[in-house]
Amino acid sequence: MLEGAKSIGAGAATIASAGAAVGIGNVFSSLIHSVARNPSLAKQSFGYAILGFALTEAIASFAPMMAFLISSVFRSKKEVSLIKQDLFHIRKWRRAWVRSKTIPHERGPPS
């Protein structure tokens, strides 16, 4: 059930991309209208449009980050316990491997 909720949450977080696309469209639509009304301010209007584009795009960059956090970082208690078990077994295997590779101290000839 948690997996389904995580998928729905990650999908809902990406809706912000559509909002950013609409926002960027509005920024450049307003630029075209302002240049059509007053061509002498085209250079200044373009600078403001680029600023608006950058701010809108910065907010849009949070959408994939939130989707990643929802789908990857937030884990259920069952997943966390499985990861802990895996780490325990990996450490146990590594200790055994290290012990098998160590050179025992020389004790002299076997008796």
PDB file of N, CA and C in Angstrom:
ATOM      1  N   MET A   1       0.816  -1.186   0.000  1.00  0.00           N
ATOM      2  CA  MET A   1       0.000   0.000   0.000  1.00  0.00           C
ATOM      3  C   MET A   1       0.865   1.257   0.000  1.00  0.00           C
ATOM      4  N   LEU A   2       1.983   1.197   0.734  1.00  0.00           N
ATOM      5  CA  LEU A   2       2.875   2.347   0.779  1.00  0.00           C
ATOM      6  C   LEU A   2       3.500   2.611  -0.595  1.00  0.00           C
ATOM      7  N   GLU A   3       3.796   1.532  -1.332  1.00  0.00           N
ATOM      8  CA  GLU A   3       4.377   1.718  -2.667  1.00  0.00           C
ATOM      9  C   GLU A   3       3.416   2.468  -3.584  1.00  0.00           C
ATOM     10  N   GLY A   4       2.139   2.118  -3.511  1.00  0.00           N
ATOM     11  CA  GLY A   4       1.143   2.811  -4.329  1.00  0.00           C
ATOM     12  C   GLY A   4       1.025   4.273  -3.956  1.00  0.00           C
ATOM     13  N   ALA A   5       1.041   4.544  -2.652  1.00  0.00           N
ATOM     14  CA  ALA A   5       0.951   5.931  -2.198  1.00  0.00           C
ATOM     15  C   ALA A   5       2.184   6.721  -2.627  1.00  0.00           C
ATOM     16  N   LYS A   6       3.359   6.068  -2.594  1.00  0.00           N
ATOM     17  CA  LYS A   6       4.577   6.755  -3.035  1.00  0.00           C
ATOM     18  C   LYS A   6       4.507   7.071  -4.525  1.00  0.00           C
ATOM     19  N   SER A   7       3.975   6.148  -5.312  1.00  0.00           N
ATOM     20  CA  SER A   7       3.859   6.393  -6.755  1.00  0.00           C
ATOM     21  C   SER A   7       2.889   7.530  -7.044  1.00  0.00           C
ATOM     22  N   ILE A   8       1.775   7.536  -6.334  1.00  0.00           N
ATOM     23  CA  ILE A   8       0.801   8.618  -6.521  1.00  0.00           C
ATOM     24  C   ILE A   8       1.412   9.953  -6.110  1.00  0.00           C
ATOM     25  N   GLY A   9       2.142   9.970  -4.998  1.00  0.00           N
ATOM     26  CA  GLY A   9       2.776  11.205  -4.545  1.00  0.00           C
ATOM     27  C   GLY A   9       3.833  11.707  -5.505  1.00  0.00           C
ATOM     28  N   ALA A  10       4.631  10.781  -6.045  1.00  0.00           N
ATOM     29  CA  ALA A  10       5.663  11.184  -7.007  1.00  0.00           C
ATOM     30  C   ALA A  10       5.025  11.716  -8.285  1.00  0.00           C
ATOM     31  N   GLY A  11       3.943  11.100  -8.709  1.00  0.00           N
ATOM     32  CA  GLY A  11       3.238  11.594  -9.898  1.00  0.00           C
ATOM     33  C   GLY A  11       2.620  12.961  -9.665  1.00  0.00           C
ATOM     34  N   ALA A  12       2.057  13.148  -8.485  1.00  0.00           N
ATOM     35  CA  ALA A  12       1.457  14.449  -8.160  1.00  0.00           C
ATOM     36  C   ALA A  12       2.523  15.534  -8.058  1.00  0.00           C
ATOM     37  N   ALA A  13       3.719  15.166  -7.627  1.00  0.00           N
ATOM     38  CA  ALA A  13       4.793  16.154  -7.524  1.00  0.00           C
ATOM     39  C   ALA A  13       5.247  16.631  -8.891  1.00  0.00           C
ATOM     40  N   THR A  14       5.094  15.810  -9.907  1.00  0.00           N
ATOM     41  CA  THR A  14       5.533  16.218 -11.244  1.00  0.00           C
ATOM     42  C   THR A  14       4.509  17.101 -11.953  1.00  0.00           C
ATOM     43  N   ILE A  15       3.333  17.298 -11.357  1.00  0.00           N
ATOM     44  CA  ILE A  15       2.345  18.204 -11.954  1.00  0.00           C
ATOM     45  C   ILE A  15       2.900  19.628 -12.007  1.00  0.00           C
ATOM     46  N   ALA A  16       3.833  19.931 -11.128  1.00  0.00           N
ATOM     47  CA  ALA A  16       4.441  21.266 -11.132  1.00  0.00           C
ATOM     48  C   ALA A  16       5.138  21.556 -12.452  1.00  0.00           C
ATOM     49  N   SER A  17       5.570  20.525 -13.174  1.00  0.00           N
ATOM     50  CA  SER A  17       6.202  20.746 -14.480  1.00  0.00           C
ATOM     51  C   SER A  17       5.220  21.367 -15.460  1.00  0.00           C
ATOM     52  N   ALA A  18       3.973  20.930 -15.405  1.00  0.00           N
ATOM     53  CA  ALA A  18       2.954  21.522 -16.281  1.00  0.00           C
ATOM     54  C   ALA A  18       2.710  22.974 -15.897  1.00  0.00           C
ATOM     55  N   GLY A  19       2.684  23.246 -14.601  1.00  0.00           N
ATOM     56  CA  GLY A  19       2.515  24.631 -14.152  1.00  0.00           C
ATOM     57  C   GLY A  19       3.668  25.516 -14.581  1.00  0.00           C
ATOM     58  N   ALA A  20       4.871  24.964 -14.558  1.00  0.00           N
ATOM     59  CA  ALA A  20       6.032  25.743 -14.998  1.00  0.00           C
ATOM     60  C   ALA A  20       5.956  26.034 -16.490  1.00  0.00           C
ATOM     61  N   ALA A  21       5.488  25.064 -17.250  1.00  0.00           N
ATOM     62  CA  ALA A  21       5.357  25.283 -18.694  1.00  0.00           C
ATOM     63  C   ALA A  21       4.351  26.404 -18.970  1.00  0.00           C
ATOM     64  N   VAL A  22       3.260  26.408 -18.254  1.00  0.00           N
ATOM     65  CA  VAL A  22       2.268  27.477 -18.416  1.00  0.00           C
ATOM     66  C   VAL A  22       2.861  28.818 -17.996  1.00  0.00           C
ATOM     67  N   GLY A  23       3.611  28.823 -16.896  1.00  0.00           N
ATOM     68  CA  GLY A  23       4.226  30.063 -16.430  1.00  0.00           C
ATOM     69  C   GLY A  23       5.226  30.632 -17.421  1.00  0.00           C
ATOM     70  N   ILE A  24       6.046  29.761 -17.999  1.00  0.00           N
ATOM     71  CA  ILE A  24       7.024  30.213 -18.993  1.00  0.00           C
ATOM     72  C   ILE A  24       6.311  30.737 -20.237  1.00  0.00           C
ATOM     73  N   GLY A  25       5.233  30.064 -20.611  1.00  0.00           N
ATOM     74  CA  GLY A  25       4.434  30.557 -21.738  1.00  0.00           C
ATOM     75  C   GLY A  25       3.866  31.929 -21.464  1.00  0.00           C
ATOM     76  N   ASN A  26       3.404  32.155 -20.249  1.00  0.00           N
ATOM     77  CA  ASN A  26       2.870  33.484 -19.890  1.00  0.00           C
ATOM     78  C   ASN A  26       3.954  34.552 -19.900  1.00  0.00           C
ATOM     79  N   VAL A  27       5.152  34.205 -19.441  1.00  0.00           N
ATOM     80  CA  VAL A  27       6.253  35.172 -19.425  1.00  0.00           C
ATOM     81  C   VAL A  27       6.572  35.645 -20.837  1.00  0.00           C
ATOM     82  N   PHE A  28       6.734  34.705 -21.758  1.00  0.00           N
ATOM     83  CA  PHE A  28       7.117  35.111 -23.118  1.00  0.00           C
ATOM     84  C   PHE A  28       5.941  35.673 -23.907  1.00  0.00           C
ATOM     85  N   SER A  29       4.729  35.269 -23.560  1.00  0.00           N
ATOM     86  CA  SER A  29       3.553  35.892 -24.167  1.00  0.00           C
ATOM     87  C   SER A  29       3.479  37.361 -23.785  1.00  0.00           C
ATOM     88  N   SER A  30       3.742  37.644 -22.510  1.00  0.00           N
ATOM     89  CA  SER A  30       3.745  39.037 -22.057  1.00  0.00           C
ATOM     90  C   SER A  30       4.877  39.831 -22.706  1.00  0.00           C
ATOM     91  N   LEU A  31       6.014  39.172 -22.928  1.00  0.00           N
ATOM     92  CA  LEU A  31       7.119  39.847 -23.613  1.00  0.00           C
ATOM     93  C   LEU A  31       6.714  40.257 -25.023  1.00  0.00           C
ATOM     94  N   ILE A  32       6.084  39.349 -25.742  1.00  0.00           N
ATOM     95  CA  ILE A  32       5.670  39.655 -27.121  1.00  0.00           C
ATOM     96  C   ILE A  32       4.656  40.798 -27.130  1.00  0.00           C
ATOM     97  N   HIS A  33       3.705  40.767 -26.191  1.00  0.00           N
ATOM     98  CA  HIS A  33       2.704  41.839 -26.132  1.00  0.00           C
ATOM     99  C   HIS A  33       3.352  43.181 -25.785  1.00  0.00           C
ATOM    100  N   SER A  34       4.297  43.179 -24.846  1.00  0.00           N
ATOM    101  CA  SER A  34       4.916  44.452 -24.450  1.00  0.00           C
ATOM    102  C   SER A  34       5.796  45.016 -25.562  1.00  0.00           C
ATOM    103  N   VAL A  35       6.482  44.157 -26.293  1.00  0.00           N
ATOM    104  CA  VAL A  35       7.309  44.645 -27.414  1.00  0.00           C
ATOM    105  C   VAL A  35       6.421  45.157 -28.542  1.00  0.00           C
ATOM    106  N   ALA A  36       5.273  44.503 -28.745  1.00  0.00           N
ATOM    107  CA  ALA A  36       4.353  44.976 -29.780  1.00  0.00           C
ATOM    108  C   ALA A  36       3.770  46.344 -29.416  1.00  0.00           C
ATOM    109  N   ARG A  37       3.564  46.597 -28.137  1.00  0.00           N
ATOM    110  CA  ARG A  37       3.009  47.889 -27.713  1.00  0.00           C
ATOM    111  C   ARG A  37       4.064  48.986 -27.695  1.00  0.00           C
ATOM    112  N   ASN A  38       5.301  48.639 -27.238  1.00  0.00           N
ATOM    113  CA  ASN A  38       6.347  49.656 -27.105  1.00  0.00           C
ATOM    114  C   ASN A  38       7.695  49.048 -27.515  1.00  0.00           C
ATOM    115  N   PRO A  39       8.005  49.102 -28.812  1.00  0.00           N
ATOM    116  CA  PRO A  39       9.248  48.477 -29.288  1.00  0.00           C
ATOM    117  C   PRO A  39      10.517  49.115 -28.739  1.00  0.00           C
ATOM    118  N   SER A  40      10.448  50.340 -28.269  1.00  0.00           N
ATOM    119  CA  SER A  40      11.661  50.998 -27.771  1.00  0.00           C
ATOM    120  C   SER A  40      12.134  50.386 -26.442  1.00  0.00           C
ATOM    121  N   LEU A  41      11.276  49.710 -25.727  1.00  0.00           N
ATOM    122  CA  LEU A  41      11.646  49.068 -24.468  1.00  0.00           C
ATOM    123  C   LEU A  41      11.907  47.565 -24.624  1.00  0.00           C
ATOM    124  N   ALA A  42      12.174  47.131 -25.838  1.00  0.00           N
ATOM    125  CA  ALA A  42      12.350  45.696 -26.101  1.00  0.00           C
ATOM    126  C   ALA A  42      13.529  45.119 -25.332  1.00  0.00           C
ATOM    127  N   LYS A  43      14.641  45.865 -25.276  1.00  0.00           N
ATOM    128  CA  LYS A  43      15.835  45.362 -24.599  1.00  0.00           C
ATOM    129  C   LYS A  43      15.584  45.190 -23.101  1.00  0.00           C
ATOM    130  N   GLN A  44      14.981  46.183 -22.469  1.00  0.00           N
ATOM    131  CA  GLN A  44      14.696  46.102 -21.040  1.00  0.00           C
ATOM    132  C   GLN A  44      13.652  45.018 -20.754  1.00  0.00           C
ATOM    133  N   SER A  45      12.647  44.922 -21.592  1.00  0.00           N
ATOM    134  CA  SER A  45      11.610  43.902 -21.406  1.00  0.00           C
ATOM    135  C   SER A  45      12.183  42.502 -21.545  1.00  0.00           C
ATOM    136  N   PHE A  46      13.138  42.333 -22.442  1.00  0.00           N
ATOM    137  CA  PHE A  46      13.746  41.010 -22.621  1.00  0.00           C
ATOM    138  C   PHE A  46      14.515  40.597 -21.367  1.00  0.00           C
ATOM    139  N   GLY A  47      15.205  41.534 -20.740  1.00  0.00           N
ATOM    140  CA  GLY A  47      15.910  41.236 -19.492  1.00  0.00           C
ATOM    141  C   GLY A  47      14.958  40.792 -18.393  1.00  0.00           C
ATOM    142  N   TYR A  48      13.821  41.480 -18.277  1.00  0.00           N
ATOM    143  CA  TYR A  48      12.824  41.083 -17.286  1.00  0.00           C
ATOM    144  C   TYR A  48      12.224  39.722 -17.627  1.00  0.00           C
ATOM    145  N   ALA A  49      12.040  39.450 -18.912  1.00  0.00           N
ATOM    146  CA  ALA A  49      11.476  38.161 -19.327  1.00  0.00           C
ATOM    147  C   ALA A  49      12.433  37.022 -18.993  1.00  0.00           C
ATOM    148  N   ILE A  50      13.732  37.241 -19.191  1.00  0.00           N
ATOM    149  CA  ILE A  50      14.714  36.201 -18.857  1.00  0.00           C
ATOM    150  C   ILE A  50      14.734  35.972 -17.352  1.00  0.00           C
ATOM    151  N   LEU A  51      14.608  37.030 -16.571  1.00  0.00           N
ATOM    152  CA  LEU A  51      14.542  36.884 -15.119  1.00  0.00           C
ATOM    153  C   LEU A  51      13.305  36.078 -14.711  1.00  0.00           C
ATOM    154  N   GLY A  52      12.167  36.389 -15.308  1.00  0.00           N
ATOM    155  CA  GLY A  52      10.942  35.634 -15.023  1.00  0.00           C
ATOM    156  C   GLY A  52      11.057  34.185 -15.434  1.00  0.00           C
ATOM    157  N   PHE A  53      11.700  33.951 -16.584  1.00  0.00           N
ATOM    158  CA  PHE A  53      11.924  32.578 -17.041  1.00  0.00           C
ATOM    159  C   PHE A  53      12.796  31.813 -16.054  1.00  0.00           C
ATOM    160  N   ALA A  54      13.874  32.447 -15.580  1.00  0.00           N
ATOM    161  CA  ALA A  54      14.791  31.773 -14.661  1.00  0.00           C
ATOM    162  C   ALA A  54      14.106  31.442 -13.341  1.00  0.00           C
ATOM    163  N   LEU A  55      13.326  32.367 -12.809  1.00  0.00           N
ATOM    164  CA  LEU A  55      12.628  32.100 -11.553  1.00  0.00           C
ATOM    165  C   LEU A  55      11.579  31.003 -11.708  1.00  0.00           C
ATOM    166  N   THR A  56      10.862  31.014 -12.821  1.00  0.00           N
ATOM    167  CA  THR A  56       9.865  29.965 -13.069  1.00  0.00           C
ATOM    168  C   THR A  56      10.534  28.613 -13.228  1.00  0.00           C
ATOM    169  N   GLU A  57      11.645  28.587 -13.917  1.00  0.00           N
ATOM    170  CA  GLU A  57      12.367  27.323 -14.125  1.00  0.00           C
ATOM    171  C   GLU A  57      12.980  26.818 -12.812  1.00  0.00           C
ATOM    172  N   ALA A  58      13.395  27.725 -11.948  1.00  0.00           N
ATOM    173  CA  ALA A  58      13.946  27.309 -10.656  1.00  0.00           C
ATOM    174  C   ALA A  58      12.878  26.620  -9.812  1.00  0.00           C
ATOM    175  N   ILE A  59      11.683  27.146  -9.844  1.00  0.00           N
ATOM    176  CA  ILE A  59      10.598  26.509  -9.098  1.00  0.00           C
ATOM    177  C   ILE A  59      10.256  25.168  -9.733  1.00  0.00           C
ATOM    178  N   ALA A  60      10.348  25.092 -11.045  1.00  0.00           N
ATOM    179  CA  ALA A  60      10.053  23.826 -11.725  1.00  0.00           C
ATOM    180  C   ALA A  60      11.096  22.767 -11.407  1.00  0.00           C
ATOM    181  N   SER A  61      12.301  23.175 -11.057  1.00  0.00           N
ATOM    182  CA  SER A  61      13.332  22.177 -10.750  1.00  0.00           C
ATOM    183  C   SER A  61      13.065  21.470  -9.424  1.00  0.00           C
ATOM    184  N   PHE A  62      12.185  22.027  -8.592  1.00  0.00           N
ATOM    185  CA  PHE A  62      11.836  21.353  -7.351  1.00  0.00           C
ATOM    186  C   PHE A  62      10.942  20.137  -7.589  1.00  0.00           C
ATOM    187  N   ALA A  63      10.208  20.104  -8.697  1.00  0.00           N
ATOM    188  CA  ALA A  63       9.288  18.997  -8.959  1.00  0.00           C
ATOM    189  C   ALA A  63      10.007  17.659  -9.095  1.00  0.00           C
ATOM    190  N   PRO A  64      11.034  17.525  -9.940  1.00  0.00           N
ATOM    191  CA  PRO A  64      11.721  16.226 -10.002  1.00  0.00           C
ATOM    192  C   PRO A  64      12.427  15.882  -8.697  1.00  0.00           C
ATOM    193  N   MET A  65      12.915  16.910  -7.983  1.00  0.00           N
ATOM    194  CA  MET A  65      13.579  16.644  -6.711  1.00  0.00           C
ATOM    195  C   MET A  65      12.589  16.059  -5.706  1.00  0.00           C
ATOM    196  N   MET A  66      11.395  16.617  -5.623  1.00  0.00           N
ATOM    197  CA  MET A  66      10.388  16.085  -4.703  1.00  0.00           C
ATOM    198  C   MET A  66       9.946  14.691  -5.129  1.00  0.00           C
ATOM    199  N   ALA A  67       9.794  14.469  -6.436  1.00  0.00           N
ATOM    200  CA  ALA A  67       9.413  13.131  -6.906  1.00  0.00           C
ATOM    201  C   ALA A  67      10.482  12.110  -6.534  1.00  0.00           C
ATOM    202  N   PHE A  68      11.751  12.491  -6.663  1.00  0.00           N
ATOM    203  CA  PHE A  68      12.838  11.586  -6.280  1.00  0.00           C
ATOM    204  C   PHE A  68      12.816  11.313  -4.781  1.00  0.00           C
ATOM    205  N   LEU A  69      12.620  12.350  -3.990  1.00  0.00           N
ATOM    206  CA  LEU A  69      12.579  12.161  -2.539  1.00  0.00           C
ATOM    207  C   LEU A  69      11.427  11.249  -2.130  1.00  0.00           C
ATOM    208  N   ILE A  70      10.280  11.460  -2.725  1.00  0.00           N
ATOM    209  CA  ILE A  70       9.119  10.649  -2.368  1.00  0.00           C
ATOM    210  C   ILE A  70       9.347   9.196  -2.752  1.00  0.00           C
ATOM    211  N   SER A  71       9.902   8.964  -3.936  1.00  0.00           N
ATOM    212  CA  SER A  71      10.022   7.584  -4.406  1.00  0.00           C
ATOM    213  C   SER A  71      11.238   6.851  -3.857  1.00  0.00           C
ATOM    214  N   SER A  72      12.300   7.565  -3.487  1.00  0.00           N
ATOM    215  CA  SER A  72      13.528   6.877  -3.103  1.00  0.00           C
ATOM    216  C   SER A  72      13.895   7.016  -1.634  1.00  0.00           C
ATOM    217  N   VAL A  73      13.725   8.170  -1.073  1.00  0.00           N
ATOM    218  CA  VAL A  73      14.251   8.415   0.257  1.00  0.00           C
ATOM    219  C   VAL A  73      13.304   7.923   1.342  1.00  0.00           C
ATOM    220  N   PHE A  74      12.042   8.228   1.211  1.00  0.00           N
ATOM    221  CA  PHE A  74      11.090   7.819   2.239  1.00  0.00           C
ATOM    222  C   PHE A  74      10.828   6.327   2.112  1.00  0.00           C
ATOM    223  N   ARG A  75      11.145   5.582   3.152  1.00  0.00           N
ATOM    224  CA  ARG A  75      11.016   4.128   3.119  1.00  0.00           C
ATOM    225  C   ARG A  75      10.113   3.667   4.258  1.00  0.00           C
ATOM    226  N   SER A  76       9.493   2.492   4.042  1.00  0.00           N
ATOM    227  CA  SER A  76       8.657   1.917   5.086  1.00  0.00           C
ATOM    228  C   SER A  76       9.532   1.227   6.124  1.00  0.00           C
ATOM    229  N   LYS A  77       8.946   0.886   7.255  1.00  0.00           N
ATOM    230  CA  LYS A  77       9.699   0.201   8.306  1.00  0.00           C
ATOM    231  C   LYS A  77      10.150  -1.174   7.833  1.00  0.00           C
ATOM    232  N   LYS A  78       9.343  -1.813   7.003  1.00  0.00           N
ATOM    233  CA  LYS A  78       9.705  -3.134   6.476  1.00  0.00           C
ATOM    234  C   LYS A  78      10.937  -3.028   5.587  1.00  0.00           C
ATOM    235  N   GLU A  79      10.978  -2.013   4.722  1.00  0.00           N
ATOM    236  CA  GLU A  79      12.137  -1.824   3.853  1.00  0.00           C
ATOM    237  C   GLU A  79      13.393  -1.531   4.668  1.00  0.00           C
ATOM    238  N   VAL A  80      13.247  -0.717   5.701  1.00  0.00           N
ATOM    239  CA  VAL A  80      14.399  -0.383   6.537  1.00  0.00           C
ATOM    240  C   VAL A  80      14.923  -1.625   7.243  1.00  0.00           C
ATOM    241  N   SER A  81      14.031  -2.465   7.747  1.00  0.00           N
ATOM    242  CA  SER A  81      14.488  -3.679   8.433  1.00  0.00           C
ATOM    243  C   SER A  81      15.161  -4.634   7.458  1.00  0.00           C
ATOM    244  N   LEU A  82      14.673  -4.713   6.220  1.00  0.00           N
ATOM    245  CA  LEU A  82      15.329  -5.571   5.220  1.00  0.00           C
ATOM    246  C   LEU A  82      16.722  -5.050   4.882  1.00  0.00           C
ATOM    247  N   ILE A  83      16.857  -3.746   4.796  1.00  0.00           N
ATOM    248  CA  ILE A  83      18.169  -3.159   4.510  1.00  0.00           C
ATOM    249  C   ILE A  83      19.130  -3.434   5.660  1.00  0.00           C
ATOM    250  N   LYS A  84      18.646  -3.315   6.903  1.00  0.00           N
ATOM    251  CA  LYS A  84      19.503  -3.599   8.052  1.00  0.00           C
ATOM    252  C   LYS A  84      19.945  -5.057   8.056  1.00  0.00           C
ATOM    253  N   GLN A  85      19.025  -5.971   7.713  1.00  0.00           N
ATOM    254  CA  GLN A  85      19.386  -7.385   7.650  1.00  0.00           C
ATOM    255  C   GLN A  85      20.442  -7.626   6.574  1.00  0.00           C
ATOM    256  N   ASP A  86      20.277  -6.999   5.431  1.00  0.00           N
ATOM    257  CA  ASP A  86      21.258  -7.156   4.357  1.00  0.00           C
ATOM    258  C   ASP A  86      22.623  -6.638   4.795  1.00  0.00           C
ATOM    259  N   LEU A  87      22.650  -5.482   5.450  1.00  0.00           N
ATOM    260  CA  LEU A  87      23.925  -4.937   5.921  1.00  0.00           C
ATOM    261  C   LEU A  87      24.573  -5.849   6.953  1.00  0.00           C
ATOM    262  N   PHE A  88      23.753  -6.445   7.830  1.00  0.00           N
ATOM    263  CA  PHE A  88      24.290  -7.369   8.825  1.00  0.00           C
ATOM    264  C   PHE A  88      24.949  -8.559   8.139  1.00  0.00           C
ATOM    265  N   HIS A  89      24.285  -9.128   7.139  1.00  0.00           N
ATOM    266  CA  HIS A  89      24.842 -10.294   6.445  1.00  0.00           C
ATOM    267  C   HIS A  89      26.079  -9.922   5.634  1.00  0.00           C
ATOM    268  N   ILE A  90      26.100  -8.744   5.055  1.00  0.00           N
ATOM    269  CA  ILE A  90      27.273  -8.301   4.297  1.00  0.00           C
ATOM    270  C   ILE A  90      28.467  -8.132   5.235  1.00  0.00           C
ATOM    271  N   ARG A  91      28.239  -7.515   6.403  1.00  0.00           N
ATOM    272  CA  ARG A  91      29.336  -7.346   7.364  1.00  0.00           C
ATOM    273  C   ARG A  91      29.829  -8.693   7.875  1.00  0.00           C
ATOM    274  N   LYS A  92      28.905  -9.617   8.135  1.00  0.00           N
ATOM    275  CA  LYS A  92      29.273 -10.951   8.607  1.00  0.00           C
ATOM    276  C   LYS A  92      30.114 -11.673   7.554  1.00  0.00           C
ATOM    277  N   TRP A  93      29.704 -11.589   6.282  1.00  0.00           N
ATOM    278  CA  TRP A  93      30.453 -12.220   5.193  1.00  0.00           C
ATOM    279  C   TRP A  93      31.829 -11.584   5.057  1.00  0.00           C
ATOM    280  N   ARG A  94      31.883 -10.239   5.173  1.00  0.00           N
ATOM    281  CA  ARG A  94      33.159  -9.535   5.027  1.00  0.00           C
ATOM    282  C   ARG A  94      34.132  -9.927   6.144  1.00  0.00           C
ATOM    283  N   ARG A  95      33.630 -10.025   7.386  1.00  0.00           N
ATOM    284  CA  ARG A  95      34.501 -10.427   8.495  1.00  0.00           C
ATOM    285  C   ARG A  95      35.075 -11.816   8.255  1.00  0.00           C
ATOM    286  N   ALA A  96      34.255 -12.737   7.776  1.00  0.00           N
ATOM    287  CA  ALA A  96      34.730 -14.099   7.501  1.00  0.00           C
ATOM    288  C   ALA A  96      35.760 -14.088   6.382  1.00  0.00           C
ATOM    289  N   TRP A  97      35.537 -13.254   5.377  1.00  0.00           N
ATOM    290  CA  TRP A  97      36.473 -13.187   4.253  1.00  0.00           C
ATOM    291  C   TRP A  97      37.809 -12.606   4.713  1.00  0.00           C
ATOM    292  N   VAL A  98      37.761 -11.560   5.532  1.00  0.00           N
ATOM    293  CA  VAL A  98      38.994 -10.943   6.028  1.00  0.00           C
ATOM    294  C   VAL A  98      39.762 -11.942   6.881  1.00  0.00           C
ATOM    295  N   ARG A  99      39.058 -12.700   7.716  1.00  0.00           N
ATOM    296  CA  ARG A  99      39.730 -13.701   8.551  1.00  0.00           C
ATOM    297  C   ARG A  99      40.394 -14.777   7.710  1.00  0.00           C
ATOM    298  N   SER A 100      39.781 -15.137   6.600  1.00  0.00           N
ATOM    299  CA  SER A 100      40.364 -16.185   5.767  1.00  0.00           C
ATOM    300  C   SER A 100      41.594 -15.688   5.011  1.00  0.00           C
ATOM    301  N   LYS A 101      41.716 -14.379   4.831  1.00  0.00           N
ATOM    302  CA  LYS A 101      42.846 -13.812   4.085  1.00  0.00           C
ATOM    303  C   LYS A 101      44.014 -13.417   4.982  1.00  0.00           C
ATOM    304  N   THR A 102      43.839 -13.403   6.292  1.00  0.00           N
ATOM    305  CA  THR A 102      44.929 -12.994   7.175  1.00  0.00           C
ATOM    306  C   THR A 102      45.962 -14.110   7.294  1.00  0.00           C
ATOM    307  N   ILE A 103      47.197 -13.711   7.468  1.00  0.00           N
ATOM    308  CA  ILE A 103      48.300 -14.686   7.586  1.00  0.00           C
ATOM    309  C   ILE A 103      48.481 -14.995   9.066  1.00  0.00           C
ATOM    310  N   PRO A 104      48.369 -16.258   9.456  1.00  0.00           N
ATOM    311  CA  PRO A 104      48.545 -16.576  10.877  1.00  0.00           C
ATOM    312  C   PRO A 104      50.008 -16.404  11.278  1.00  0.00           C
ATOM    313  N   HIS A 105      50.238 -16.111  12.532  1.00  0.00           N
ATOM    314  CA  HIS A 105      51.587 -15.962  13.037  1.00  0.00           C
ATOM    315  C   HIS A 105      52.310 -17.306  12.958  1.00  0.00           C
ATOM    316  N   GLU A 106      53.553 -17.229  12.615  1.00  0.00           N
ATOM    317  CA  GLU A 106      54.315 -18.481  12.550  1.00  0.00           C
ATOM    318  C   GLU A 106      54.594 -18.999  13.962  1.00  0.00           C
ATOM    319  N   ARG A 107      54.280 -20.252  14.165  1.00  0.00           N
ATOM    320  CA  ARG A 107      54.443 -20.839  15.497  1.00  0.00           C
ATOM    321  C   ARG A 107      55.604 -21.829  15.519  1.00  0.00           C
ATOM    322  N   GLY A 108      56.217 -21.973  14.431  1.00  0.00           N
ATOM    323  CA  GLY A 108      57.273 -22.993  14.381  1.00  0.00           C
ATOM    324  C   GLY A 108      56.752 -24.242  13.696  1.00  0.00           C
ATOM    325  N   PRO A 109      57.546 -25.282  13.697  1.00  0.00           N
ATOM    326  CA  PRO A 109      57.112 -26.500  13.016  1.00  0.00           C
ATOM    327  C   PRO A 109      55.952 -27.147  13.772  1.00  0.00           C
ATOM    328  N   PRO A 110      55.033 -27.725  13.012  1.00  0.00           N
ATOM    329  CA  PRO A 110      53.900 -28.388  13.667  1.00  0.00           C
ATOM    330  C   PRO A 110      54.383 -29.574  14.495  1.00  0.00           C
ATOM    331  N   SER A 111      53.777 -29.813  15.613  1.00  0.00           N
ATOM    332  CA  SER A 111      54.210 -30.920  16.455  1.00  0.00           C
ATOM    333  C   SER A 111      53.248 -32.076  16.432  1.00  0.00           C
TER     334      SER A 111
END
